[in-house]
Amino acid sequence: MKGKVYQNAVRMDCSSSYKEEMEYALEGRYARLSGVVGMDDKSVNGDVVTHVNIYNERNQLLKKFSAPIYEPYSLNLDVRNVYRLRIECRLNDPRRNFSLDMPMSMALTLFS
């Protein structure tokens, strides 16, 4: 992402035709989630934007952000008292009228 390789990043596929999601069991043991979220530099050329929503177990929106393909998002999120964390992503490229699927990388760390 943006010229930097994150060896231990988690990969999540994102689509322009439906929402993808990933869920983590935090069990209330962590205080903060921080790191970088974005598309791989070699994924595609163009105006692709990743839209990400992060929810807790009560389906409350904790964070919503968008990141253009070459601009990873720096995430710093309070996750105290969160037992299940759900991350959703969807792609948008205004120049394309067909479905697009791409990997999104998340280099994240949980802090107690």
PDB file of N, CA and C in Angstrom:
ATOM      1  N   MET A   1       0.842  -1.174   0.000  1.00  0.00           N
ATOM      2  CA  MET A   1       0.000   0.000   0.000  1.00  0.00           C
ATOM      3  C   MET A   1       0.884   1.233   0.000  1.00  0.00           C
ATOM      4  N   LYS A   2       0.648   2.069  -0.969  1.00  0.00           N
ATOM      5  CA  LYS A   2       1.408   3.314  -1.137  1.00  0.00           C
ATOM      6  C   LYS A   2       2.920   3.064  -1.093  1.00  0.00           C
ATOM      7  N   GLY A   3       3.345   1.996  -1.789  1.00  0.00           N
ATOM      8  CA  GLY A   3       4.754   1.689  -1.905  1.00  0.00           C
ATOM      9  C   GLY A   3       5.344   0.886  -0.762  1.00  0.00           C
ATOM     10  N   LYS A   4       4.584   0.627   0.277  1.00  0.00           N
ATOM     11  CA  LYS A   4       5.088  -0.125   1.423  1.00  0.00           C
ATOM     12  C   LYS A   4       4.441  -1.509   1.456  1.00  0.00           C
ATOM     13  N   VAL A   5       5.255  -2.526   1.743  1.00  0.00           N
ATOM     14  CA  VAL A   5       4.771  -3.898   1.828  1.00  0.00           C
ATOM     15  C   VAL A   5       4.541  -4.245   3.297  1.00  0.00           C
ATOM     16  N   TYR A   6       3.362  -4.762   3.599  1.00  0.00           N
ATOM     17  CA  TYR A   6       3.016  -5.196   4.956  1.00  0.00           C
ATOM     18  C   TYR A   6       2.937  -6.721   4.929  1.00  0.00           C
ATOM     19  N   GLN A   7       3.999  -7.375   5.400  1.00  0.00           N
ATOM     20  CA  GLN A   7       4.104  -8.828   5.310  1.00  0.00           C
ATOM     21  C   GLN A   7       2.985  -9.567   6.037  1.00  0.00           C
ATOM     22  N   ASN A   8       2.524  -9.035   7.164  1.00  0.00           N
ATOM     23  CA  ASN A   8       1.525  -9.739   7.968  1.00  0.00           C
ATOM     24  C   ASN A   8       0.127  -9.147   7.840  1.00  0.00           C
ATOM     25  N   ALA A   9      -0.115  -8.442   6.764  1.00  0.00           N
ATOM     26  CA  ALA A   9      -1.432  -7.829   6.565  1.00  0.00           C
ATOM     27  C   ALA A   9      -2.486  -8.900   6.312  1.00  0.00           C
ATOM     28  N   VAL A  10      -3.696  -8.626   6.765  1.00  0.00           N
ATOM     29  CA  VAL A  10      -4.837  -9.499   6.510  1.00  0.00           C
ATOM     30  C   VAL A  10      -5.461  -9.052   5.195  1.00  0.00           C
ATOM     31  N   ARG A  11      -5.807 -10.007   4.360  1.00  0.00           N
ATOM     32  CA  ARG A  11      -6.410  -9.678   3.064  1.00  0.00           C
ATOM     33  C   ARG A  11      -7.903  -9.971   3.111  1.00  0.00           C
ATOM     34  N   MET A  12      -8.660  -9.056   2.557  1.00  0.00           N
ATOM     35  CA  MET A  12     -10.109  -9.204   2.480  1.00  0.00           C
ATOM     36  C   MET A  12     -10.524  -8.821   1.072  1.00  0.00           C
ATOM     37  N   ASP A  13     -11.268  -9.670   0.388  1.00  0.00           N
ATOM     38  CA  ASP A  13     -11.721  -9.330  -0.954  1.00  0.00           C
ATOM     39  C   ASP A  13     -12.898  -8.371  -0.875  1.00  0.00           C
ATOM     40  N   CYS A  14     -12.873  -7.338  -1.698  1.00  0.00           N
ATOM     41  CA  CYS A  14     -13.956  -6.362  -1.785  1.00  0.00           C
ATOM     42  C   CYS A  14     -14.547  -6.441  -3.187  1.00  0.00           C
ATOM     43  N   SER A  15     -15.829  -6.133  -3.291  1.00  0.00           N
ATOM     44  CA  SER A  15     -16.525  -6.216  -4.563  1.00  0.00           C
ATOM     45  C   SER A  15     -17.305  -4.937  -4.830  1.00  0.00           C
ATOM     46  N   SER A  16     -17.542  -4.659  -6.093  1.00  0.00           N
ATOM     47  CA  SER A  16     -18.377  -3.511  -6.445  1.00  0.00           C
ATOM     48  C   SER A  16     -19.841  -3.914  -6.561  1.00  0.00           C
ATOM     49  N   SER A  17     -20.131  -5.218  -6.544  1.00  0.00           N
ATOM     50  CA  SER A  17     -21.513  -5.662  -6.716  1.00  0.00           C
ATOM     51  C   SER A  17     -22.194  -6.086  -5.420  1.00  0.00           C
ATOM     52  N   TYR A  18     -21.442  -6.297  -4.355  1.00  0.00           N
ATOM     53  CA  TYR A  18     -22.030  -6.663  -3.064  1.00  0.00           C
ATOM     54  C   TYR A  18     -21.038  -6.354  -1.951  1.00  0.00           C
ATOM     55  N   LYS A  19     -21.552  -6.295  -0.711  1.00  0.00           N
ATOM     56  CA  LYS A  19     -20.691  -6.022   0.445  1.00  0.00           C
ATOM     57  C   LYS A  19     -20.011  -7.308   0.896  1.00  0.00           C
ATOM     58  N   GLU A  20     -18.734  -7.222   1.167  1.00  0.00           N
ATOM     59  CA  GLU A  20     -17.985  -8.327   1.773  1.00  0.00           C
ATOM     60  C   GLU A  20     -17.830  -7.997   3.243  1.00  0.00           C
ATOM     61  N   GLU A  21     -17.728  -9.008   4.083  1.00  0.00           N
ATOM     62  CA  GLU A  21     -17.513  -8.728   5.499  1.00  0.00           C
ATOM     63  C   GLU A  21     -16.621  -9.768   6.151  1.00  0.00           C
ATOM     64  N   MET A  22     -15.994  -9.339   7.218  1.00  0.00           N
ATOM     65  CA  MET A  22     -15.090 -10.158   8.014  1.00  0.00           C
ATOM     66  C   MET A  22     -15.418  -9.860   9.471  1.00  0.00           C
ATOM     67  N   GLU A  23     -15.394 -10.884  10.313  1.00  0.00           N
ATOM     68  CA  GLU A  23     -15.763 -10.678  11.712  1.00  0.00           C
ATOM     69  C   GLU A  23     -14.675 -11.223  12.637  1.00  0.00           C
ATOM     70  N   TYR A  24     -14.458 -10.499  13.729  1.00  0.00           N
ATOM     71  CA  TYR A  24     -13.458 -10.885  14.724  1.00  0.00           C
ATOM     72  C   TYR A  24     -14.097 -10.956  16.103  1.00  0.00           C
ATOM     73  N   ALA A  25     -13.741 -11.977  16.869  1.00  0.00           N
ATOM     74  CA  ALA A  25     -14.209 -12.120  18.250  1.00  0.00           C
ATOM     75  C   ALA A  25     -13.193 -11.445  19.171  1.00  0.00           C
ATOM     76  N   LEU A  26     -13.516 -10.259  19.648  1.00  0.00           N
ATOM     77  CA  LEU A  26     -12.606  -9.526  20.532  1.00  0.00           C
ATOM     78  C   LEU A  26     -12.876  -9.832  21.999  1.00  0.00           C
ATOM     79  N   GLU A  27     -14.095 -10.257  22.303  1.00  0.00           N
ATOM     80  CA  GLU A  27     -14.493 -10.654  23.661  1.00  0.00           C
ATOM     81  C   GLU A  27     -14.238  -9.581  24.710  1.00  0.00           C
ATOM     82  N   GLY A  28     -14.214  -8.319  24.313  1.00  0.00           N
ATOM     83  CA  GLY A  28     -14.022  -7.221  25.262  1.00  0.00           C
ATOM     84  C   GLY A  28     -12.626  -7.139  25.856  1.00  0.00           C
ATOM     85  N   ARG A  29     -11.657  -7.824  25.256  1.00  0.00           N
ATOM     86  CA  ARG A  29     -10.295  -7.890  25.816  1.00  0.00           C
ATOM     87  C   ARG A  29      -9.349  -6.819  25.294  1.00  0.00           C
ATOM     88  N   TYR A  30      -9.805  -5.986  24.373  1.00  0.00           N
ATOM     89  CA  TYR A  30      -8.907  -5.008  23.762  1.00  0.00           C
ATOM     90  C   TYR A  30      -9.432  -3.589  23.931  1.00  0.00           C
ATOM     91  N   ALA A  31      -8.524  -2.631  23.857  1.00  0.00           N
ATOM     92  CA  ALA A  31      -8.892  -1.223  24.025  1.00  0.00           C
ATOM     93  C   ALA A  31      -8.825  -0.452  22.709  1.00  0.00           C
ATOM     94  N   ARG A  32      -7.904  -0.824  21.826  1.00  0.00           N
ATOM     95  CA  ARG A  32      -7.686  -0.021  20.633  1.00  0.00           C
ATOM     96  C   ARG A  32      -7.296  -0.905  19.456  1.00  0.00           C
ATOM     97  N   LEU A  33      -7.791  -0.518  18.288  1.00  0.00           N
ATOM     98  CA  LEU A  33      -7.425  -1.155  17.029  1.00  0.00           C
ATOM     99  C   LEU A  33      -6.817  -0.064  16.152  1.00  0.00           C
ATOM    100  N   SER A  34      -5.588  -0.271  15.720  1.00  0.00           N
ATOM    101  CA  SER A  34      -4.965   0.752  14.875  1.00  0.00           C
ATOM    102  C   SER A  34      -4.155   0.099  13.765  1.00  0.00           C
ATOM    103  N   GLY A  35      -3.935   0.866  12.713  1.00  0.00           N
ATOM    104  CA  GLY A  35      -3.161   0.371  11.592  1.00  0.00           C
ATOM    105  C   GLY A  35      -3.533   1.066  10.306  1.00  0.00           C
ATOM    106  N   VAL A  36      -3.295   0.379   9.185  1.00  0.00           N
ATOM    107  CA  VAL A  36      -3.502   0.942   7.856  1.00  0.00           C
ATOM    108  C   VAL A  36      -4.428   0.022   7.063  1.00  0.00           C
ATOM    109  N   VAL A  37      -5.381   0.628   6.360  1.00  0.00           N
ATOM    110  CA  VAL A  37      -6.328  -0.120   5.534  1.00  0.00           C
ATOM    111  C   VAL A  37      -6.308   0.480   4.136  1.00  0.00           C
ATOM    112  N   GLY A  38      -6.183  -0.366   3.112  1.00  0.00           N
ATOM    113  CA  GLY A  38      -6.199   0.158   1.748  1.00  0.00           C
ATOM    114  C   GLY A  38      -6.032  -0.924   0.708  1.00  0.00           C
ATOM    115  N   MET A  39      -6.035  -0.500  -0.546  1.00  0.00           N
ATOM    116  CA  MET A  39      -5.890  -1.414  -1.669  1.00  0.00           C
ATOM    117  C   MET A  39      -4.410  -1.558  -2.024  1.00  0.00           C
ATOM    118  N   ASP A  40      -4.059  -2.736  -2.524  1.00  0.00           N
ATOM    119  CA  ASP A  40      -2.711  -2.966  -3.012  1.00  0.00           C
ATOM    120  C   ASP A  40      -2.442  -2.045  -4.196  1.00  0.00           C
ATOM    121  N   ASP A  41      -1.246  -1.470  -4.254  1.00  0.00           N
ATOM    122  CA  ASP A  41      -0.884  -0.540  -5.334  1.00  0.00           C
ATOM    123  C   ASP A  41      -1.053  -1.155  -6.724  1.00  0.00           C
ATOM    124  N   LYS A  42      -0.864  -2.462  -6.841  1.00  0.00           N
ATOM    125  CA  LYS A  42      -0.914  -3.125  -8.142  1.00  0.00           C
ATOM    126  C   LYS A  42      -2.299  -3.677  -8.468  1.00  0.00           C
ATOM    127  N   SER A  43      -3.277  -3.427  -7.631  1.00  0.00           N
ATOM    128  CA  SER A  43      -4.607  -4.002  -7.831  1.00  0.00           C
ATOM    129  C   SER A  43      -5.256  -3.558  -9.128  1.00  0.00           C
ATOM    130  N   VAL A  44      -5.295  -2.263  -9.362  1.00  0.00           N
ATOM    131  CA  VAL A  44      -5.976  -1.735 -10.542  1.00  0.00           C
ATOM    132  C   VAL A  44      -5.555  -0.283 -10.736  1.00  0.00           C
ATOM    133  N   ASN A  45      -5.653   0.179 -11.937  1.00  0.00           N
ATOM    134  CA  ASN A  45      -5.444   1.603 -12.197  1.00  0.00           C
ATOM    135  C   ASN A  45      -6.804   2.270 -12.263  1.00  0.00           C
ATOM    136  N   GLY A  46      -6.878   3.502 -11.854  1.00  0.00           N
ATOM    137  CA  GLY A  46      -8.143   4.202 -11.987  1.00  0.00           C
ATOM    138  C   GLY A  46      -8.588   4.894 -10.729  1.00  0.00           C
ATOM    139  N   ASP A  47      -9.866   5.159 -10.703  1.00  0.00           N
ATOM    140  CA  ASP A  47     -10.454   5.937  -9.617  1.00  0.00           C
ATOM    141  C   ASP A  47     -11.195   5.066  -8.616  1.00  0.00           C
ATOM    142  N   VAL A  48     -10.704   3.876  -8.360  1.00  0.00           N
ATOM    143  CA  VAL A  48     -11.368   2.963  -7.436  1.00  0.00           C
ATOM    144  C   VAL A  48     -11.293   3.513  -6.017  1.00  0.00           C
ATOM    145  N   VAL A  49     -12.413   3.463  -5.328  1.00  0.00           N
ATOM    146  CA  VAL A  49     -12.486   3.900  -3.935  1.00  0.00           C
ATOM    147  C   VAL A  49     -13.027   2.744  -3.107  1.00  0.00           C
ATOM    148  N   THR A  50     -12.397   2.476  -1.981  1.00  0.00           N
ATOM    149  CA  THR A  50     -12.862   1.458  -1.047  1.00  0.00           C
ATOM    150  C   THR A  50     -13.698   2.136   0.026  1.00  0.00           C
ATOM    151  N   HIS A  51     -14.901   1.619   0.258  1.00  0.00           N
ATOM    152  CA  HIS A  51     -15.777   2.136   1.310  1.00  0.00           C
ATOM    153  C   HIS A  51     -15.828   1.085   2.414  1.00  0.00           C
ATOM    154  N   VAL A  52     -15.493   1.477   3.634  1.00  0.00           N
ATOM    155  CA  VAL A  52     -15.409   0.539   4.759  1.00  0.00           C
ATOM    156  C   VAL A  52     -16.303   1.013   5.896  1.00  0.00           C
ATOM    157  N   ASN A  53     -17.064   0.068   6.455  1.00  0.00           N
ATOM    158  CA  ASN A  53     -17.867   0.305   7.659  1.00  0.00           C
ATOM    159  C   ASN A  53     -17.442  -0.709   8.704  1.00  0.00           C
ATOM    160  N   ILE A  54     -17.298  -0.266   9.951  1.00  0.00           N
ATOM    161  CA  ILE A  54     -16.923  -1.154  11.048  1.00  0.00           C
ATOM    162  C   ILE A  54     -18.020  -1.082  12.108  1.00  0.00           C
ATOM    163  N   TYR A  55     -18.517  -2.257  12.510  1.00  0.00           N
ATOM    164  CA  TYR A  55     -19.628  -2.356  13.458  1.00  0.00           C
ATOM    165  C   TYR A  55     -19.238  -3.188  14.675  1.00  0.00           C
ATOM    166  N   ASN A  56     -19.979  -3.000  15.768  1.00  0.00           N
ATOM    167  CA  ASN A  56     -19.821  -3.875  16.930  1.00  0.00           C
ATOM    168  C   ASN A  56     -20.911  -4.945  16.897  1.00  0.00           C
ATOM    169  N   GLU A  57     -20.962  -5.766  17.959  1.00  0.00           N
ATOM    170  CA  GLU A  57     -21.912  -6.877  18.020  1.00  0.00           C
ATOM    171  C   GLU A  57     -23.370  -6.418  18.078  1.00  0.00           C
ATOM    172  N   ARG A  58     -23.618  -5.181  18.424  1.00  0.00           N
ATOM    173  CA  ARG A  58     -24.983  -4.633  18.472  1.00  0.00           C
ATOM    174  C   ARG A  58     -25.336  -3.919  17.164  1.00  0.00           C
ATOM    175  N   ASN A  59     -24.513  -4.125  16.159  1.00  0.00           N
ATOM    176  CA  ASN A  59     -24.705  -3.526  14.839  1.00  0.00           C
ATOM    177  C   ASN A  59     -24.622  -2.000  14.857  1.00  0.00           C
ATOM    178  N   GLN A  60     -23.922  -1.461  15.855  1.00  0.00           N
ATOM    179  CA  GLN A  60     -23.687  -0.017  15.921  1.00  0.00           C
ATOM    180  C   GLN A  60     -22.476   0.316  15.061  1.00  0.00           C
ATOM    181  N   LEU A  61     -22.618   1.349  14.248  1.00  0.00           N
ATOM    182  CA  LEU A  61     -21.519   1.788  13.393  1.00  0.00           C
ATOM    183  C   LEU A  61     -20.455   2.461  14.252  1.00  0.00           C
ATOM    184  N   LEU A  62     -19.250   1.886  14.269  1.00  0.00           N
ATOM    185  CA  LEU A  62     -18.140   2.450  15.037  1.00  0.00           C
ATOM    186  C   LEU A  62     -17.280   3.381  14.186  1.00  0.00           C
ATOM    187  N   LYS A  63     -17.155   3.057  12.903  1.00  0.00           N
ATOM    188  CA  LYS A  63     -16.304   3.858  12.016  1.00  0.00           C
ATOM    189  C   LYS A  63     -16.753   3.652  10.577  1.00  0.00           C
ATOM    190  N   LYS A  64     -16.745   4.735   9.821  1.00  0.00           N
ATOM    191  CA  LYS A  64     -17.066   4.693   8.399  1.00  0.00           C
ATOM    192  C   LYS A  64     -16.035   5.556   7.686  1.00  0.00           C
ATOM    193  N   PHE A  65     -15.402   5.000   6.654  1.00  0.00           N
ATOM    194  CA  PHE A  65     -14.428   5.788   5.905  1.00  0.00           C
ATOM    195  C   PHE A  65     -14.319   5.284   4.471  1.00  0.00           C
ATOM    196  N   SER A  66     -13.745   6.113   3.632  1.00  0.00           N
ATOM    197  CA  SER A  66     -13.476   5.769   2.237  1.00  0.00           C
ATOM    198  C   SER A  66     -12.006   6.036   1.968  1.00  0.00           C
ATOM    199  N   ALA A  67     -11.415   5.184   1.136  1.00  0.00           N
ATOM    200  CA  ALA A  67      -9.994   5.336   0.817  1.00  0.00           C
ATOM    201  C   ALA A  67      -9.779   5.115  -0.676  1.00  0.00           C
ATOM    202  N   PRO A  68      -9.293   6.123  -1.401  1.00  0.00           N
ATOM    203  CA  PRO A  68      -8.929   5.924  -2.807  1.00  0.00           C
ATOM    204  C   PRO A  68      -7.806   4.895  -2.908  1.00  0.00           C
ATOM    205  N   ILE A  69      -7.666   4.300  -4.076  1.00  0.00           N
ATOM    206  CA  ILE A  69      -6.734   3.183  -4.239  1.00  0.00           C
ATOM    207  C   ILE A  69      -5.305   3.505  -3.817  1.00  0.00           C
ATOM    208  N   TYR A  70      -4.818   4.698  -4.050  1.00  0.00           N
ATOM    209  CA  TYR A  70      -3.427   5.001  -3.716  1.00  0.00           C
ATOM    210  C   TYR A  70      -3.279   5.771  -2.410  1.00  0.00           C
ATOM    211  N   GLU A  71      -4.331   5.844  -1.616  1.00  0.00           N
ATOM    212  CA  GLU A  71      -4.290   6.572  -0.347  1.00  0.00           C
ATOM    213  C   GLU A  71      -4.820   5.703   0.787  1.00  0.00           C
ATOM    214  N   PRO A  72      -3.984   4.854   1.393  1.00  0.00           N
ATOM    215  CA  PRO A  72      -4.438   4.022   2.506  1.00  0.00           C
ATOM    216  C   PRO A  72      -4.958   4.882   3.661  1.00  0.00           C
ATOM    217  N   TYR A  73      -5.885   4.317   4.409  1.00  0.00           N
ATOM    218  CA  TYR A  73      -6.506   5.019   5.528  1.00  0.00           C
ATOM    219  C   TYR A  73      -5.822   4.600   6.829  1.00  0.00           C
ATOM    220  N   SER A  74      -5.427   5.565   7.646  1.00  0.00           N
ATOM    221  CA  SER A  74      -4.837   5.276   8.963  1.00  0.00           C
ATOM    222  C   SER A  74      -5.973   5.140   9.966  1.00  0.00           C
ATOM    223  N   LEU A  75      -6.138   3.938  10.481  1.00  0.00           N
ATOM    224  CA  LEU A  75      -7.234   3.640  11.402  1.00  0.00           C
ATOM    225  C   LEU A  75      -6.745   3.676  12.836  1.00  0.00           C
ATOM    226  N   ASN A  76      -7.500   4.320  13.692  1.00  0.00           N
ATOM    227  CA  ASN A  76      -7.235   4.349  15.125  1.00  0.00           C
ATOM    228  C   ASN A  76      -8.603   4.343  15.796  1.00  0.00           C
ATOM    229  N   LEU A  77      -9.017   3.186  16.322  1.00  0.00           N
ATOM    230  CA  LEU A  77     -10.390   2.994  16.768  1.00  0.00           C
ATOM    231  C   LEU A  77     -10.445   2.465  18.197  1.00  0.00           C
ATOM    232  N   ASP A  78     -11.274   3.074  19.013  1.00  0.00           N
ATOM    233  CA  ASP A  78     -11.522   2.617  20.380  1.00  0.00           C
ATOM    234  C   ASP A  78     -12.423   1.386  20.306  1.00  0.00           C
ATOM    235  N   VAL A  79     -11.941   0.246  20.801  1.00  0.00           N
ATOM    236  CA  VAL A  79     -12.730  -0.988  20.780  1.00  0.00           C
ATOM    237  C   VAL A  79     -12.973  -1.533  22.190  1.00  0.00           C
ATOM    238  N   ARG A  80     -12.882  -0.653  23.198  1.00  0.00           N
ATOM    239  CA  ARG A  80     -13.190  -1.093  24.559  1.00  0.00           C
ATOM    240  C   ARG A  80     -14.632  -1.571  24.622  1.00  0.00           C
ATOM    241  N   ASN A  81     -14.854  -2.662  25.321  1.00  0.00           N
ATOM    242  CA  ASN A  81     -16.185  -3.260  25.501  1.00  0.00           C
ATOM    243  C   ASN A  81     -16.815  -3.760  24.204  1.00  0.00           C
ATOM    244  N   VAL A  82     -16.018  -3.989  23.180  1.00  0.00           N
ATOM    245  CA  VAL A  82     -16.521  -4.581  21.937  1.00  0.00           C
ATOM    246  C   VAL A  82     -16.235  -6.076  21.992  1.00  0.00           C
ATOM    247  N   TYR A  83     -17.279  -6.874  21.779  1.00  0.00           N
ATOM    248  CA  TYR A  83     -17.131  -8.325  21.851  1.00  0.00           C
ATOM    249  C   TYR A  83     -16.983  -8.959  20.470  1.00  0.00           C
ATOM    250  N   ARG A  84     -17.676  -8.416  19.492  1.00  0.00           N
ATOM    251  CA  ARG A  84     -17.539  -8.876  18.113  1.00  0.00           C
ATOM    252  C   ARG A  84     -17.399  -7.649  17.223  1.00  0.00           C
ATOM    253  N   LEU A  85     -16.396  -7.693  16.358  1.00  0.00           N
ATOM    254  CA  LEU A  85     -16.113  -6.578  15.454  1.00  0.00           C
ATOM    255  C   LEU A  85     -16.346  -7.060  14.023  1.00  0.00           C
ATOM    256  N   ARG A  86     -17.180  -6.353  13.279  1.00  0.00           N
ATOM    257  CA  ARG A  86     -17.466  -6.713  11.891  1.00  0.00           C
ATOM    258  C   ARG A  86     -16.974  -5.597  10.971  1.00  0.00           C
ATOM    259  N   ILE A  87     -16.182  -5.979   9.971  1.00  0.00           N
ATOM    260  CA  ILE A  87     -15.651  -5.032   8.996  1.00  0.00           C
ATOM    261  C   ILE A  87     -16.285  -5.350   7.646  1.00  0.00           C
ATOM    262  N   GLU A  88     -16.930  -4.351   7.053  1.00  0.00           N
ATOM    263  CA  GLU A  88     -17.551  -4.497   5.737  1.00  0.00           C
ATOM    264  C   GLU A  88     -16.818  -3.609   4.738  1.00  0.00           C
ATOM    265  N   CYS A  89     -16.695  -4.090   3.502  1.00  0.00           N
ATOM    266  CA  CYS A  89     -16.097  -3.246   2.464  1.00  0.00           C
ATOM    267  C   CYS A  89     -16.852  -3.401   1.152  1.00  0.00           C
ATOM    268  N   ARG A  90     -16.784  -2.344   0.374  1.00  0.00           N
ATOM    269  CA  ARG A  90     -17.385  -2.321  -0.958  1.00  0.00           C
ATOM    270  C   ARG A  90     -16.563  -1.382  -1.832  1.00  0.00           C
ATOM    271  N   LEU A  91     -16.450  -1.706  -3.102  1.00  0.00           N
ATOM    272  CA  LEU A  91     -15.679  -0.888  -4.042  1.00  0.00           C
ATOM    273  C   LEU A  91     -16.593  -0.006  -4.876  1.00  0.00           C
ATOM    274  N   ASN A  92     -16.028   1.091  -5.345  1.00  0.00           N
ATOM    275  CA  ASN A  92     -16.746   1.977  -6.247  1.00  0.00           C
ATOM    276  C   ASN A  92     -15.752   2.534  -7.253  1.00  0.00           C
ATOM    277  N   ASP A  93     -16.050   2.343  -8.521  1.00  0.00           N
ATOM    278  CA  ASP A  93     -15.271   2.960  -9.594  1.00  0.00           C
ATOM    279  C   ASP A  93     -16.269   3.572 -10.569  1.00  0.00           C
ATOM    280  N   PRO A  94     -16.406   4.890 -10.555  1.00  0.00           N
ATOM    281  CA  PRO A  94     -17.431   5.546 -11.367  1.00  0.00           C
ATOM    282  C   PRO A  94     -17.255   5.374 -12.880  1.00  0.00           C
ATOM    283  N   ARG A  95     -16.083   4.949 -13.322  1.00  0.00           N
ATOM    284  CA  ARG A  95     -15.853   4.802 -14.762  1.00  0.00           C
ATOM    285  C   ARG A  95     -16.222   3.424 -15.286  1.00  0.00           C
ATOM    286  N   ARG A  96     -16.533   2.500 -14.401  1.00  0.00           N
ATOM    287  CA  ARG A  96     -16.803   1.123 -14.835  1.00  0.00           C
ATOM    288  C   ARG A  96     -18.279   0.792 -14.620  1.00  0.00           C
ATOM    289  N   ASN A  97     -18.846   0.037 -15.552  1.00  0.00           N
ATOM    290  CA  ASN A  97     -20.227  -0.395 -15.400  1.00  0.00           C
ATOM    291  C   ASN A  97     -20.315  -1.913 -15.273  1.00  0.00           C
ATOM    292  N   PHE A  98     -19.235  -2.531 -14.811  1.00  0.00           N
ATOM    293  CA  PHE A  98     -19.220  -3.975 -14.594  1.00  0.00           C
ATOM    294  C   PHE A  98     -18.724  -4.262 -13.188  1.00  0.00           C
ATOM    295  N   SER A  99     -18.975  -5.472 -12.745  1.00  0.00           N
ATOM    296  CA  SER A  99     -18.567  -5.861 -11.393  1.00  0.00           C
ATOM    297  C   SER A  99     -17.048  -5.922 -11.295  1.00  0.00           C
ATOM    298  N   LEU A 100     -16.534  -5.476 -10.168  1.00  0.00           N
ATOM    299  CA  LEU A 100     -15.094  -5.425  -9.935  1.00  0.00           C
ATOM    300  C   LEU A 100     -14.805  -6.039  -8.570  1.00  0.00           C
ATOM    301  N   ASP A 101     -13.907  -7.003  -8.512  1.00  0.00           N
ATOM    302  CA  ASP A 101     -13.499  -7.623  -7.254  1.00  0.00           C
ATOM    303  C   ASP A 101     -12.004  -7.418  -7.085  1.00  0.00           C
ATOM    304  N   MET A 102     -11.602  -6.951  -5.891  1.00  0.00           N
ATOM    305  CA  MET A 102     -10.193  -6.670  -5.628  1.00  0.00           C
ATOM    306  C   MET A 102      -9.860  -6.976  -4.176  1.00  0.00           C
ATOM    307  N   PRO A 103      -8.593  -7.313  -3.898  1.00  0.00           N
ATOM    308  CA  PRO A 103      -8.196  -7.518  -2.505  1.00  0.00           C
ATOM    309  C   PRO A 103      -7.939  -6.193  -1.790  1.00  0.00           C
ATOM    310  N   MET A 104      -8.376  -6.137  -0.548  1.00  0.00           N
ATOM    311  CA  MET A 104      -8.069  -5.002   0.327  1.00  0.00           C
ATOM    312  C   MET A 104      -7.163  -5.533   1.428  1.00  0.00           C
ATOM    313  N   SER A 105      -6.128  -4.809   1.780  1.00  0.00           N
ATOM    314  CA  SER A 105      -5.212  -5.236   2.836  1.00  0.00           C
ATOM    315  C   SER A 105      -5.454  -4.432   4.099  1.00  0.00           C
ATOM    316  N   MET A 106      -5.306  -5.109   5.227  1.00  0.00           N
ATOM    317  CA  MET A 106      -5.451  -4.461   6.525  1.00  0.00           C
ATOM    318  C   MET A 106      -4.262  -4.844   7.386  1.00  0.00           C
ATOM    319  N   ALA A 107      -3.386  -3.904   7.651  1.00  0.00           N
ATOM    320  CA  ALA A 107      -2.252  -4.118   8.549  1.00  0.00           C
ATOM    321  C   ALA A 107      -2.659  -3.498   9.884  1.00  0.00           C
ATOM    322  N   LEU A 108      -3.273  -4.300  10.748  1.00  0.00           N
ATOM    323  CA  LEU A 108      -3.888  -3.800  11.978  1.00  0.00           C
ATOM    324  C   LEU A 108      -3.276  -4.437  13.214  1.00  0.00           C
ATOM    325  N   THR A 109      -3.312  -3.719  14.315  1.00  0.00           N
ATOM    326  CA  THR A 109      -2.830  -4.217  15.601  1.00  0.00           C
ATOM    327  C   THR A 109      -3.877  -3.936  16.665  1.00  0.00           C
ATOM    328  N   LEU A 110      -4.128  -4.920  17.521  1.00  0.00           N
ATOM    329  CA  LEU A 110      -5.023  -4.752  18.667  1.00  0.00           C
ATOM    330  C   LEU A 110      -4.187  -4.510  19.912  1.00  0.00           C
ATOM    331  N   PHE A 111      -4.596  -3.537  20.717  1.00  0.00           N
ATOM    332  CA  PHE A 111      -3.894  -3.210  21.953  1.00  0.00           C
ATOM    333  C   PHE A 111      -4.804  -3.446  23.146  1.00  0.00           C
ATOM    334  N   SER A 112      -4.245  -4.063  24.183  1.00  0.00           N
ATOM    335  CA  SER A 112      -5.018  -4.315  25.409  1.00  0.00           C
ATOM    336  C   SER A 112      -5.103  -3.077  26.250  1.00  0.00           C
TER     337      SER A 112
END
